[in-house]
Amino acid sequence: MNGDFGVKFVTIAPITPVLGTIATGGTQPAQGGGSASSFLDMVNSALHGVSDAQGQAASAEAAFAVGAPGATLGKAVVASDRAEVAWNATVAVRNEVVSAYSSIMNMQF
């Protein structure tokens, strides 16, 4: 048994350069202390939080599976649920952003 238990977690790479390019109209990554960089920092921090929650869930599940001292099924389930809620919230926010972007792009002036 390799310890993955059939669960696959997504590791989220830093997206600041990509979002910076979008925030500045596609010309260059955002830099400086403007509101775009604070928004990017917030998004990047949130994505790292989701990734950390997924990592903690995987660790808790693996610790329970091998019978580590102090590891309980309850801790593993709670960590897994937290990671799932964080991921679902991230996907919901992403869907709203895509919807807003599509609405803006479909506007006719």
PDB file of N, CA and C in Angstrom:
ATOM      1  N   MET A   1       0.852  -1.169   0.000  1.00  0.00           N
ATOM      2  CA  MET A   1       0.000   0.000   0.000  1.00  0.00           C
ATOM      3  C   MET A   1       0.899   1.233   0.000  1.00  0.00           C
ATOM      4  N   ASN A   2       0.594   2.173  -0.876  1.00  0.00           N
ATOM      5  CA  ASN A   2       1.458   3.339  -1.001  1.00  0.00           C
ATOM      6  C   ASN A   2       1.016   4.511  -0.153  1.00  0.00           C
ATOM      7  N   GLY A   3      -0.102   4.436   0.568  1.00  0.00           N
ATOM      8  CA  GLY A   3      -0.500   5.478   1.497  1.00  0.00           C
ATOM      9  C   GLY A   3      -1.331   6.597   0.910  1.00  0.00           C
ATOM     10  N   ASP A   4      -1.708   6.523  -0.369  1.00  0.00           N
ATOM     11  CA  ASP A   4      -2.502   7.632  -0.917  1.00  0.00           C
ATOM     12  C   ASP A   4      -3.997   7.393  -0.765  1.00  0.00           C
ATOM     13  N   PHE A   5      -4.435   6.177  -0.472  1.00  0.00           N
ATOM     14  CA  PHE A   5      -5.821   5.839  -0.184  1.00  0.00           C
ATOM     15  C   PHE A   5      -6.793   6.278  -1.264  1.00  0.00           C
ATOM     16  N   GLY A   6      -6.325   6.449  -2.489  1.00  0.00           N
ATOM     17  CA  GLY A   6      -7.185   6.821  -3.588  1.00  0.00           C
ATOM     18  C   GLY A   6      -7.615   8.274  -3.585  1.00  0.00           C
ATOM     19  N   VAL A   7      -7.066   9.081  -2.686  1.00  0.00           N
ATOM     20  CA  VAL A   7      -7.434  10.489  -2.592  1.00  0.00           C
ATOM     21  C   VAL A   7      -6.382  11.308  -3.311  1.00  0.00           C
ATOM     22  N   LYS A   8      -6.815  12.163  -4.194  1.00  0.00           N
ATOM     23  CA  LYS A   8      -5.891  13.013  -4.928  1.00  0.00           C
ATOM     24  C   LYS A   8      -6.141  14.460  -4.532  1.00  0.00           C
ATOM     25  N   PHE A   9      -5.070  15.147  -4.146  1.00  0.00           N
ATOM     26  CA  PHE A   9      -5.153  16.552  -3.792  1.00  0.00           C
ATOM     27  C   PHE A   9      -4.468  17.373  -4.851  1.00  0.00           C
ATOM     28  N   VAL A  10      -4.986  18.555  -5.075  1.00  0.00           N
ATOM     29  CA  VAL A  10      -4.440  19.451  -6.073  1.00  0.00           C
ATOM     30  C   VAL A  10      -3.477  20.403  -5.394  1.00  0.00           C
ATOM     31  N   THR A  11      -2.265  20.483  -5.892  1.00  0.00           N
ATOM     32  CA  THR A  11      -1.321  21.462  -5.390  1.00  0.00           C
ATOM     33  C   THR A  11      -1.442  22.695  -6.258  1.00  0.00           C
ATOM     34  N   ILE A  12      -1.639  23.821  -5.614  1.00  0.00           N
ATOM     35  CA  ILE A  12      -1.862  25.061  -6.341  1.00  0.00           C
ATOM     36  C   ILE A  12      -0.554  25.830  -6.419  1.00  0.00           C
ATOM     37  N   ALA A  13      -0.106  26.057  -7.646  1.00  0.00           N
ATOM     38  CA  ALA A  13       1.119  26.817  -7.853  1.00  0.00           C
ATOM     39  C   ALA A  13       0.838  28.298  -7.679  1.00  0.00           C
ATOM     40  N   PRO A  14       1.851  29.072  -7.318  1.00  0.00           N
ATOM     41  CA  PRO A  14       1.640  30.521  -7.206  1.00  0.00           C
ATOM     42  C   PRO A  14       1.145  31.096  -8.523  1.00  0.00           C
ATOM     43  N   ILE A  15       0.085  31.896  -8.450  1.00  0.00           N
ATOM     44  CA  ILE A  15      -0.499  32.442  -9.671  1.00  0.00           C
ATOM     45  C   ILE A  15      -0.323  33.949  -9.762  1.00  0.00           C
ATOM     46  N   THR A  16       0.456  34.518  -8.868  1.00  0.00           N
ATOM     47  CA  THR A  16       0.621  35.965  -8.845  1.00  0.00           C
ATOM     48  C   THR A  16       1.055  36.531 -10.192  1.00  0.00           C
ATOM     49  N   PRO A  17       2.036  35.961 -10.904  1.00  0.00           N
ATOM     50  CA  PRO A  17       2.404  36.547 -12.191  1.00  0.00           C
ATOM     51  C   PRO A  17       1.258  36.543 -13.197  1.00  0.00           C
ATOM     52  N   VAL A  18       0.465  35.492 -13.212  1.00  0.00           N
ATOM     53  CA  VAL A  18      -0.644  35.410 -14.153  1.00  0.00           C
ATOM     54  C   VAL A  18      -1.706  36.430 -13.794  1.00  0.00           C
ATOM     55  N   LEU A  19      -2.111  36.488 -12.520  1.00  0.00           N
ATOM     56  CA  LEU A  19      -3.117  37.456 -12.105  1.00  0.00           C
ATOM     57  C   LEU A  19      -2.616  38.880 -12.277  1.00  0.00           C
ATOM     58  N   GLY A  20      -1.325  39.108 -12.054  1.00  0.00           N
ATOM     59  CA  GLY A  20      -0.769  40.442 -12.246  1.00  0.00           C
ATOM     60  C   GLY A  20      -0.897  40.883 -13.682  1.00  0.00           C
ATOM     61  N   THR A  21      -0.709  39.979 -14.615  1.00  0.00           N
ATOM     62  CA  THR A  21      -0.850  40.303 -16.025  1.00  0.00           C
ATOM     63  C   THR A  21      -2.298  40.630 -16.343  1.00  0.00           C
ATOM     64  N   ILE A  22      -3.230  39.892 -15.774  1.00  0.00           N
ATOM     65  CA  ILE A  22      -4.649  40.154 -16.006  1.00  0.00           C
ATOM     66  C   ILE A  22      -5.039  41.503 -15.413  1.00  0.00           C
ATOM     67  N   ALA A  23      -4.561  41.798 -14.194  1.00  0.00           N
ATOM     68  CA  ALA A  23      -4.948  43.029 -13.511  1.00  0.00           C
ATOM     69  C   ALA A  23      -4.431  44.277 -14.220  1.00  0.00           C
ATOM     70  N   THR A  24      -3.343  44.160 -14.963  1.00  0.00           N
ATOM     71  CA  THR A  24      -2.782  45.329 -15.640  1.00  0.00           C
ATOM     72  C   THR A  24      -3.153  45.368 -17.109  1.00  0.00           C
ATOM     73  N   GLY A  25      -4.154  44.620 -17.505  1.00  0.00           N
ATOM     74  CA  GLY A  25      -4.613  44.665 -18.884  1.00  0.00           C
ATOM     75  C   GLY A  25      -3.783  43.830 -19.837  1.00  0.00           C
ATOM     76  N   GLY A  26      -3.015  42.894 -19.323  1.00  0.00           N
ATOM     77  CA  GLY A  26      -2.264  41.985 -20.176  1.00  0.00           C
ATOM     78  C   GLY A  26      -0.927  42.523 -20.648  1.00  0.00           C
ATOM     79  N   THR A  27      -0.484  43.644 -20.091  1.00  0.00           N
ATOM     80  CA  THR A  27       0.774  44.206 -20.573  1.00  0.00           C
ATOM     81  C   THR A  27       1.963  43.727 -19.777  1.00  0.00           C
ATOM     82  N   GLN A  28       1.843  43.721 -18.459  1.00  0.00           N
ATOM     83  CA  GLN A  28       2.952  43.305 -17.611  1.00  0.00           C
ATOM     84  C   GLN A  28       2.416  42.905 -16.258  1.00  0.00           C
ATOM     85  N   PRO A  29       3.187  42.126 -15.497  1.00  0.00           N
ATOM     86  CA  PRO A  29       2.727  41.767 -14.159  1.00  0.00           C
ATOM     87  C   PRO A  29       2.617  42.998 -13.273  1.00  0.00           C
ATOM     88  N   ALA A  30       1.625  42.994 -12.382  1.00  0.00           N
ATOM     89  CA  ALA A  30       1.418  44.126 -11.483  1.00  0.00           C
ATOM     90  C   ALA A  30       2.552  44.191 -10.474  1.00  0.00           C
ATOM     91  N   GLN A  31       3.024  45.390 -10.226  1.00  0.00           N
ATOM     92  CA  GLN A  31       4.059  45.595  -9.237  1.00  0.00           C
ATOM     93  C   GLN A  31       3.754  46.881  -8.513  1.00  0.00           C
ATOM     94  N   GLY A  32       4.347  47.028  -7.364  1.00  0.00           N
ATOM     95  CA  GLY A  32       4.132  48.247  -6.609  1.00  0.00           C
ATOM     96  C   GLY A  32       3.125  48.017  -5.503  1.00  0.00           C
ATOM     97  N   GLY A  33       2.727  49.091  -4.842  1.00  0.00           N
ATOM     98  CA  GLY A  33       1.862  48.977  -3.687  1.00  0.00           C
ATOM     99  C   GLY A  33       0.425  49.299  -3.983  1.00  0.00           C
ATOM    100  N   GLY A  34      -0.020  49.209  -5.204  1.00  0.00           N
ATOM    101  CA  GLY A  34      -1.393  49.553  -5.554  1.00  0.00           C
ATOM    102  C   GLY A  34      -2.384  48.523  -5.097  1.00  0.00           C
ATOM    103  N   SER A  35      -3.656  48.791  -5.394  1.00  0.00           N
ATOM    104  CA  SER A  35      -4.712  47.885  -4.968  1.00  0.00           C
ATOM    105  C   SER A  35      -4.643  46.548  -5.694  1.00  0.00           C
ATOM    106  N   ALA A  36      -4.095  46.542  -6.910  1.00  0.00           N
ATOM    107  CA  ALA A  36      -3.983  45.283  -7.642  1.00  0.00           C
ATOM    108  C   ALA A  36      -3.055  44.322  -6.920  1.00  0.00           C
ATOM    109  N   SER A  37      -1.946  44.828  -6.395  1.00  0.00           N
ATOM    110  CA  SER A  37      -1.018  43.930  -5.706  1.00  0.00           C
ATOM    111  C   SER A  37      -1.614  43.437  -4.396  1.00  0.00           C
ATOM    112  N   SER A  38      -2.394  44.263  -3.684  1.00  0.00           N
ATOM    113  CA  SER A  38      -3.007  43.780  -2.451  1.00  0.00           C
ATOM    114  C   SER A  38      -4.071  42.723  -2.764  1.00  0.00           C
ATOM    115  N   PHE A  39      -4.798  42.888  -3.868  1.00  0.00           N
ATOM    116  CA  PHE A  39      -5.755  41.878  -4.291  1.00  0.00           C
ATOM    117  C   PHE A  39      -5.026  40.583  -4.642  1.00  0.00           C
ATOM    118  N   LEU A  40      -3.924  40.701  -5.355  1.00  0.00           N
ATOM    119  CA  LEU A  40      -3.152  39.513  -5.729  1.00  0.00           C
ATOM    120  C   LEU A  40      -2.592  38.820  -4.502  1.00  0.00           C
ATOM    121  N   ASP A  41      -2.148  39.610  -3.540  1.00  0.00           N
ATOM    122  CA  ASP A  41      -1.637  39.018  -2.304  1.00  0.00           C
ATOM    123  C   ASP A  41      -2.738  38.263  -1.573  1.00  0.00           C
ATOM    124  N   MET A  42      -3.942  38.839  -1.560  1.00  0.00           N
ATOM    125  CA  MET A  42      -5.068  38.201  -0.897  1.00  0.00           C
ATOM    126  C   MET A  42      -5.425  36.875  -1.601  1.00  0.00           C
ATOM    127  N   VAL A  43      -5.484  36.898  -2.921  1.00  0.00           N
ATOM    128  CA  VAL A  43      -5.819  35.688  -3.677  1.00  0.00           C
ATOM    129  C   VAL A  43      -4.740  34.629  -3.483  1.00  0.00           C
ATOM    130  N   ASN A  44      -3.487  35.049  -3.580  1.00  0.00           N
ATOM    131  CA  ASN A  44      -2.380  34.113  -3.420  1.00  0.00           C
ATOM    132  C   ASN A  44      -2.386  33.505  -2.017  1.00  0.00           C
ATOM    133  N   SER A  45      -2.643  34.329  -1.011  1.00  0.00           N
ATOM    134  CA  SER A  45      -2.707  33.845   0.363  1.00  0.00           C
ATOM    135  C   SER A  45      -3.855  32.847   0.534  1.00  0.00           C
ATOM    136  N   ALA A  46      -5.000  33.145  -0.053  1.00  0.00           N
ATOM    137  CA  ALA A  46      -6.143  32.234   0.042  1.00  0.00           C
ATOM    138  C   ALA A  46      -5.849  30.899  -0.626  1.00  0.00           C
ATOM    139  N   LEU A  47      -5.209  30.936  -1.773  1.00  0.00           N
ATOM    140  CA  LEU A  47      -4.887  29.689  -2.471  1.00  0.00           C
ATOM    141  C   LEU A  47      -3.856  28.863  -1.705  1.00  0.00           C
ATOM    142  N   HIS A  48      -2.907  29.535  -1.104  1.00  0.00           N
ATOM    143  CA  HIS A  48      -1.934  28.808  -0.285  1.00  0.00           C
ATOM    144  C   HIS A  48      -2.616  28.213   0.950  1.00  0.00           C
ATOM    145  N   GLY A  49      -3.608  28.915   1.491  1.00  0.00           N
ATOM    146  CA  GLY A  49      -4.363  28.378   2.618  1.00  0.00           C
ATOM    147  C   GLY A  49      -5.108  27.112   2.247  1.00  0.00           C
ATOM    148  N   VAL A  50      -5.695  27.092   1.066  1.00  0.00           N
ATOM    149  CA  VAL A  50      -6.389  25.893   0.583  1.00  0.00           C
ATOM    150  C   VAL A  50      -5.398  24.750   0.393  1.00  0.00           C
ATOM    151  N   SER A  51      -4.269  25.065  -0.195  1.00  0.00           N
ATOM    152  CA  SER A  51      -3.249  24.046  -0.412  1.00  0.00           C
ATOM    153  C   SER A  51      -2.732  23.497   0.922  1.00  0.00           C
ATOM    154  N   ASP A  52      -2.544  24.375   1.904  1.00  0.00           N
ATOM    155  CA  ASP A  52      -2.100  23.934   3.229  1.00  0.00           C
ATOM    156  C   ASP A  52      -3.148  23.039   3.887  1.00  0.00           C
ATOM    157  N   ALA A  53      -4.425  23.408   3.757  1.00  0.00           N
ATOM    158  CA  ALA A  53      -5.502  22.595   4.334  1.00  0.00           C
ATOM    159  C   ALA A  53      -5.517  21.206   3.706  1.00  0.00           C
ATOM    160  N   GLN A  54      -5.286  21.137   2.403  1.00  0.00           N
ATOM    161  CA  GLN A  54      -5.245  19.833   1.736  1.00  0.00           C
ATOM    162  C   GLN A  54      -4.048  19.012   2.217  1.00  0.00           C
ATOM    163  N   GLY A  55      -2.930  19.669   2.400  1.00  0.00           N
ATOM    164  CA  GLY A  55      -1.747  18.974   2.906  1.00  0.00           C
ATOM    165  C   GLY A  55      -1.948  18.465   4.323  1.00  0.00           C
ATOM    166  N   GLN A  56      -2.575  19.274   5.177  1.00  0.00           N
ATOM    167  CA  GLN A  56      -2.855  18.854   6.546  1.00  0.00           C
ATOM    168  C   GLN A  56      -3.822  17.679   6.567  1.00  0.00           C
ATOM    169  N   ALA A  57      -4.805  17.698   5.680  1.00  0.00           N
ATOM    170  CA  ALA A  57      -5.751  16.585   5.605  1.00  0.00           C
ATOM    171  C   ALA A  57      -5.045  15.305   5.191  1.00  0.00           C
ATOM    172  N   ALA A  58      -4.183  15.418   4.204  1.00  0.00           N
ATOM    173  CA  ALA A  58      -3.447  14.230   3.749  1.00  0.00           C
ATOM    174  C   ALA A  58      -2.555  13.690   4.864  1.00  0.00           C
ATOM    175  N   SER A  59      -1.912  14.585   5.602  1.00  0.00           N
ATOM    176  CA  SER A  59      -1.050  14.162   6.712  1.00  0.00           C
ATOM    177  C   SER A  59      -1.857  13.497   7.820  1.00  0.00           C
ATOM    178  N   ALA A  60      -3.009  14.084   8.153  1.00  0.00           N
ATOM    179  CA  ALA A  60      -3.851  13.509   9.207  1.00  0.00           C
ATOM    180  C   ALA A  60      -4.368  12.131   8.808  1.00  0.00           C
ATOM    181  N   GLU A  61      -4.754  11.992   7.548  1.00  0.00           N
ATOM    182  CA  GLU A  61      -5.249  10.695   7.076  1.00  0.00           C
ATOM    183  C   GLU A  61      -4.137   9.659   7.068  1.00  0.00           C
ATOM    184  N   ALA A  62      -2.960  10.056   6.634  1.00  0.00           N
ATOM    185  CA  ALA A  62      -1.832   9.119   6.616  1.00  0.00           C
ATOM    186  C   ALA A  62      -1.422   8.730   8.030  1.00  0.00           C
ATOM    187  N   ALA A  63      -1.433   9.697   8.949  1.00  0.00           N
ATOM    188  CA  ALA A  63      -1.068   9.401  10.339  1.00  0.00           C
ATOM    189  C   ALA A  63      -2.056   8.424  10.957  1.00  0.00           C
ATOM    190  N   PHE A  64      -3.340   8.606  10.682  1.00  0.00           N
ATOM    191  CA  PHE A  64      -4.338   7.675  11.211  1.00  0.00           C
ATOM    192  C   PHE A  64      -4.169   6.294  10.600  1.00  0.00           C
ATOM    193  N   ALA A  65      -3.876   6.266   9.301  1.00  0.00           N
ATOM    194  CA  ALA A  65      -3.750   4.976   8.602  1.00  0.00           C
ATOM    195  C   ALA A  65      -2.595   4.145   9.142  1.00  0.00           C
ATOM    196  N   VAL A  66      -1.511   4.800   9.534  1.00  0.00           N
ATOM    197  CA  VAL A  66      -0.359   4.044  10.037  1.00  0.00           C
ATOM    198  C   VAL A  66      -0.404   3.863  11.546  1.00  0.00           C
ATOM    199  N   GLY A  67      -1.428   4.446  12.198  1.00  0.00           N
ATOM    200  CA  GLY A  67      -1.584   4.263  13.632  1.00  0.00           C
ATOM    201  C   GLY A  67      -0.654   5.119  14.464  1.00  0.00           C
ATOM    202  N   ALA A  68      -0.354   6.301  13.996  1.00  0.00           N
ATOM    203  CA  ALA A  68       0.524   7.208  14.738  1.00  0.00           C
ATOM    204  C   ALA A  68      -0.126   7.590  16.070  1.00  0.00           C
ATOM    205  N   PRO A  69       0.691   7.750  17.114  1.00  0.00           N
ATOM    206  CA  PRO A  69       0.136   8.152  18.412  1.00  0.00           C
ATOM    207  C   PRO A  69      -0.575   9.506  18.314  1.00  0.00           C
ATOM    208  N   GLY A  70      -1.767   9.576  18.878  1.00  0.00           N
ATOM    209  CA  GLY A  70      -2.531  10.815  18.871  1.00  0.00           C
ATOM    210  C   GLY A  70      -3.376  11.023  17.624  1.00  0.00           C
ATOM    211  N   ALA A  71      -3.182  10.221  16.608  1.00  0.00           N
ATOM    212  CA  ALA A  71      -3.960  10.357  15.375  1.00  0.00           C
ATOM    213  C   ALA A  71      -5.278   9.607  15.546  1.00  0.00           C
ATOM    214  N   THR A  72      -6.365  10.313  15.327  1.00  0.00           N
ATOM    215  CA  THR A  72      -7.679   9.684  15.457  1.00  0.00           C
ATOM    216  C   THR A  72      -8.457   9.846  14.162  1.00  0.00           C
ATOM    217  N   LEU A  73      -9.460   9.034  14.013  1.00  0.00           N
ATOM    218  CA  LEU A  73     -10.318   9.127  12.841  1.00  0.00           C
ATOM    219  C   LEU A  73     -11.019  10.481  12.811  1.00  0.00           C
ATOM    220  N   GLY A  74     -11.427  10.957  13.970  1.00  0.00           N
ATOM    221  CA  GLY A  74     -12.099  12.255  14.049  1.00  0.00           C
ATOM    222  C   GLY A  74     -11.237  13.387  13.531  1.00  0.00           C
ATOM    223  N   LYS A  75      -9.966  13.398  13.926  1.00  0.00           N
ATOM    224  CA  LYS A  75      -9.050  14.441  13.456  1.00  0.00           C
ATOM    225  C   LYS A  75      -8.857  14.362  11.945  1.00  0.00           C
ATOM    226  N   ALA A  76      -8.764  13.142  11.433  1.00  0.00           N
ATOM    227  CA  ALA A  76      -8.575  12.966   9.991  1.00  0.00           C
ATOM    228  C   ALA A  76      -9.814  13.431   9.216  1.00  0.00           C
ATOM    229  N   VAL A  77     -10.995  13.109   9.723  1.00  0.00           N
ATOM    230  CA  VAL A  77     -12.234  13.491   9.042  1.00  0.00           C
ATOM    231  C   VAL A  77     -12.424  15.005   9.090  1.00  0.00           C
ATOM    232  N   VAL A  78     -12.148  15.611  10.241  1.00  0.00           N
ATOM    233  CA  VAL A  78     -12.298  17.066  10.362  1.00  0.00           C
ATOM    234  C   VAL A  78     -11.325  17.779   9.418  1.00  0.00           C
ATOM    235  N   ALA A  79     -10.088  17.325   9.369  1.00  0.00           N
ATOM    236  CA  ALA A  79      -9.106  17.941   8.466  1.00  0.00           C
ATOM    237  C   ALA A  79      -9.524  17.771   7.013  1.00  0.00           C
ATOM    238  N   SER A  80     -10.043  16.599   6.682  1.00  0.00           N
ATOM    239  CA  SER A  80     -10.503  16.348   5.316  1.00  0.00           C
ATOM    240  C   SER A  80     -11.696  17.225   4.972  1.00  0.00           C
ATOM    241  N   ASP A  81     -12.626  17.378   5.905  1.00  0.00           N
ATOM    242  CA  ASP A  81     -13.796  18.227   5.669  1.00  0.00           C
ATOM    243  C   ASP A  81     -13.401  19.689   5.510  1.00  0.00           C
ATOM    244  N   ARG A  82     -12.451  20.147   6.317  1.00  0.00           N
ATOM    245  CA  ARG A  82     -11.981  21.524   6.184  1.00  0.00           C
ATOM    246  C   ARG A  82     -11.365  21.759   4.808  1.00  0.00           C
ATOM    247  N   ALA A  83     -10.575  20.807   4.357  1.00  0.00           N
ATOM    248  CA  ALA A  83      -9.949  20.933   3.037  1.00  0.00           C
ATOM    249  C   ALA A  83     -11.012  20.922   1.942  1.00  0.00           C
ATOM    250  N   GLU A  84     -12.029  20.092   2.103  1.00  0.00           N
ATOM    251  CA  GLU A  84     -13.089  20.027   1.097  1.00  0.00           C
ATOM    252  C   GLU A  84     -13.886  21.328   1.042  1.00  0.00           C
ATOM    253  N   VAL A  85     -14.206  21.885   2.192  1.00  0.00           N
ATOM    254  CA  VAL A  85     -14.951  23.147   2.234  1.00  0.00           C
ATOM    255  C   VAL A  85     -14.115  24.268   1.619  1.00  0.00           C
ATOM    256  N   ALA A  86     -12.831  24.303   1.942  1.00  0.00           N
ATOM    257  CA  ALA A  86     -11.951  25.335   1.377  1.00  0.00           C
ATOM    258  C   ALA A  86     -11.866  25.202  -0.139  1.00  0.00           C
ATOM    259  N   TRP A  87     -11.754  23.977  -0.623  1.00  0.00           N
ATOM    260  CA  TRP A  87     -11.672  23.763  -2.068  1.00  0.00           C
ATOM    261  C   TRP A  87     -12.982  24.164  -2.749  1.00  0.00           C
ATOM    262  N   ASN A  88     -14.119  23.766  -2.172  1.00  0.00           N
ATOM    263  CA  ASN A  88     -15.412  24.119  -2.761  1.00  0.00           C
ATOM    264  C   ASN A  88     -15.624  25.626  -2.779  1.00  0.00           C
ATOM    265  N   ALA A  89     -15.193  26.316  -1.730  1.00  0.00           N
ATOM    266  CA  ALA A  89     -15.300  27.777  -1.702  1.00  0.00           C
ATOM    267  C   ALA A  89     -14.420  28.398  -2.781  1.00  0.00           C
ATOM    268  N   THR A  90     -13.236  27.856  -2.965  1.00  0.00           N
ATOM    269  CA  THR A  90     -12.336  28.364  -3.997  1.00  0.00           C
ATOM    270  C   THR A  90     -12.941  28.191  -5.381  1.00  0.00           C
ATOM    271  N   VAL A  91     -13.515  27.048  -5.630  1.00  0.00           N
ATOM    272  CA  VAL A  91     -14.143  26.795  -6.931  1.00  0.00           C
ATOM    273  C   VAL A  91     -15.348  27.723  -7.132  1.00  0.00           C
ATOM    274  N   ALA A  92     -16.126  27.955  -6.080  1.00  0.00           N
ATOM    275  CA  ALA A  92     -17.273  28.851  -6.192  1.00  0.00           C
ATOM    276  C   ALA A  92     -16.835  30.274  -6.506  1.00  0.00           C
ATOM    277  N   VAL A  93     -15.780  30.740  -5.854  1.00  0.00           N
ATOM    278  CA  VAL A  93     -15.255  32.092  -6.128  1.00  0.00           C
ATOM    279  C   VAL A  93     -14.736  32.158  -7.556  1.00  0.00           C
ATOM    280  N   ARG A  94     -14.023  31.126  -7.974  1.00  0.00           N
ATOM    281  CA  ARG A  94     -13.510  31.091  -9.345  1.00  0.00           C
ATOM    282  C   ARG A  94     -14.654  31.169 -10.353  1.00  0.00           C
ATOM    283  N   ASN A  95     -15.724  30.428 -10.103  1.00  0.00           N
ATOM    284  CA  ASN A  95     -16.869  30.444 -11.008  1.00  0.00           C
ATOM    285  C   ASN A  95     -17.509  31.823 -11.077  1.00  0.00           C
ATOM    286  N   GLU A  96     -17.604  32.507  -9.948  1.00  0.00           N
ATOM    287  CA  GLU A  96     -18.174  33.853  -9.931  1.00  0.00           C
ATOM    288  C   GLU A  96     -17.288  34.838 -10.689  1.00  0.00           C
ATOM    289  N   VAL A  97     -15.979  34.705 -10.523  1.00  0.00           N
ATOM    290  CA  VAL A  97     -15.050  35.591 -11.241  1.00  0.00           C
ATOM    291  C   VAL A  97     -15.158  35.358 -12.743  1.00  0.00           C
ATOM    292  N   VAL A  98     -15.225  34.111 -13.158  1.00  0.00           N
ATOM    293  CA  VAL A  98     -15.353  33.799 -14.585  1.00  0.00           C
ATOM    294  C   VAL A  98     -16.674  34.331 -15.121  1.00  0.00           C
ATOM    295  N   SER A  99     -17.735  34.196 -14.353  1.00  0.00           N
ATOM    296  CA  SER A  99     -19.036  34.705 -14.775  1.00  0.00           C
ATOM    297  C   SER A  99     -19.007  36.225 -14.915  1.00  0.00           C
ATOM    298  N   ALA A 100     -18.402  36.909 -13.950  1.00  0.00           N
ATOM    299  CA  ALA A 100     -18.304  38.373 -14.022  1.00  0.00           C
ATOM    300  C   ALA A 100     -17.462  38.800 -15.210  1.00  0.00           C
ATOM    301  N   TYR A 101     -16.363  38.103 -15.437  1.00  0.00           N
ATOM    302  CA  TYR A 101     -15.497  38.415 -16.576  1.00  0.00           C
ATOM    303  C   TYR A 101     -16.257  38.224 -17.889  1.00  0.00           C
ATOM    304  N   SER A 102     -17.010  37.131 -17.990  1.00  0.00           N
ATOM    305  CA  SER A 102     -17.787  36.870 -19.206  1.00  0.00           C
ATOM    306  C   SER A 102     -18.833  37.953 -19.421  1.00  0.00           C
ATOM    307  N   SER A 103     -19.483  38.378 -18.344  1.00  0.00           N
ATOM    308  CA  SER A 103     -20.491  39.441 -18.459  1.00  0.00           C
ATOM    309  C   SER A 103     -19.867  40.737 -18.949  1.00  0.00           C
ATOM    310  N   ILE A 104     -18.709  41.072 -18.415  1.00  0.00           N
ATOM    311  CA  ILE A 104     -18.029  42.301 -18.826  1.00  0.00           C
ATOM    312  C   ILE A 104     -17.602  42.208 -20.288  1.00  0.00           C
ATOM    313  N   MET A 105     -17.091  41.072 -20.686  1.00  0.00           N
ATOM    314  CA  MET A 105     -16.628  40.907 -22.058  1.00  0.00           C
ATOM    315  C   MET A 105     -17.794  40.931 -23.058  1.00  0.00           C
ATOM    316  N   ASN A 106     -18.996  40.561 -22.612  1.00  0.00           N
ATOM    317  CA  ASN A 106     -20.158  40.555 -23.496  1.00  0.00           C
ATOM    318  C   ASN A 106     -20.869  41.900 -23.578  1.00  0.00           C
ATOM    319  N   MET A 107     -20.424  42.859 -22.791  1.00  0.00           N
ATOM    320  CA  MET A 107     -21.041  44.196 -22.837  1.00  0.00           C
ATOM    321  C   MET A 107     -20.724  44.852 -24.162  1.00  0.00           C
ATOM    322  N   GLN A 108     -21.705  45.568 -24.664  1.00  0.00           N
ATOM    323  CA  GLN A 108     -21.490  46.304 -25.913  1.00  0.00           C
ATOM    324  C   GLN A 108     -21.602  47.779 -25.623  1.00  0.00           C
ATOM    325  N   PHE A 109     -20.662  48.519 -26.144  1.00  0.00           N
ATOM    326  CA  PHE A 109     -20.628  49.959 -25.903  1.00  0.00           C
ATOM    327  C   PHE A 109     -21.071  50.723 -27.129  1.00  0.00           C
TER     328      PHE A 109
END
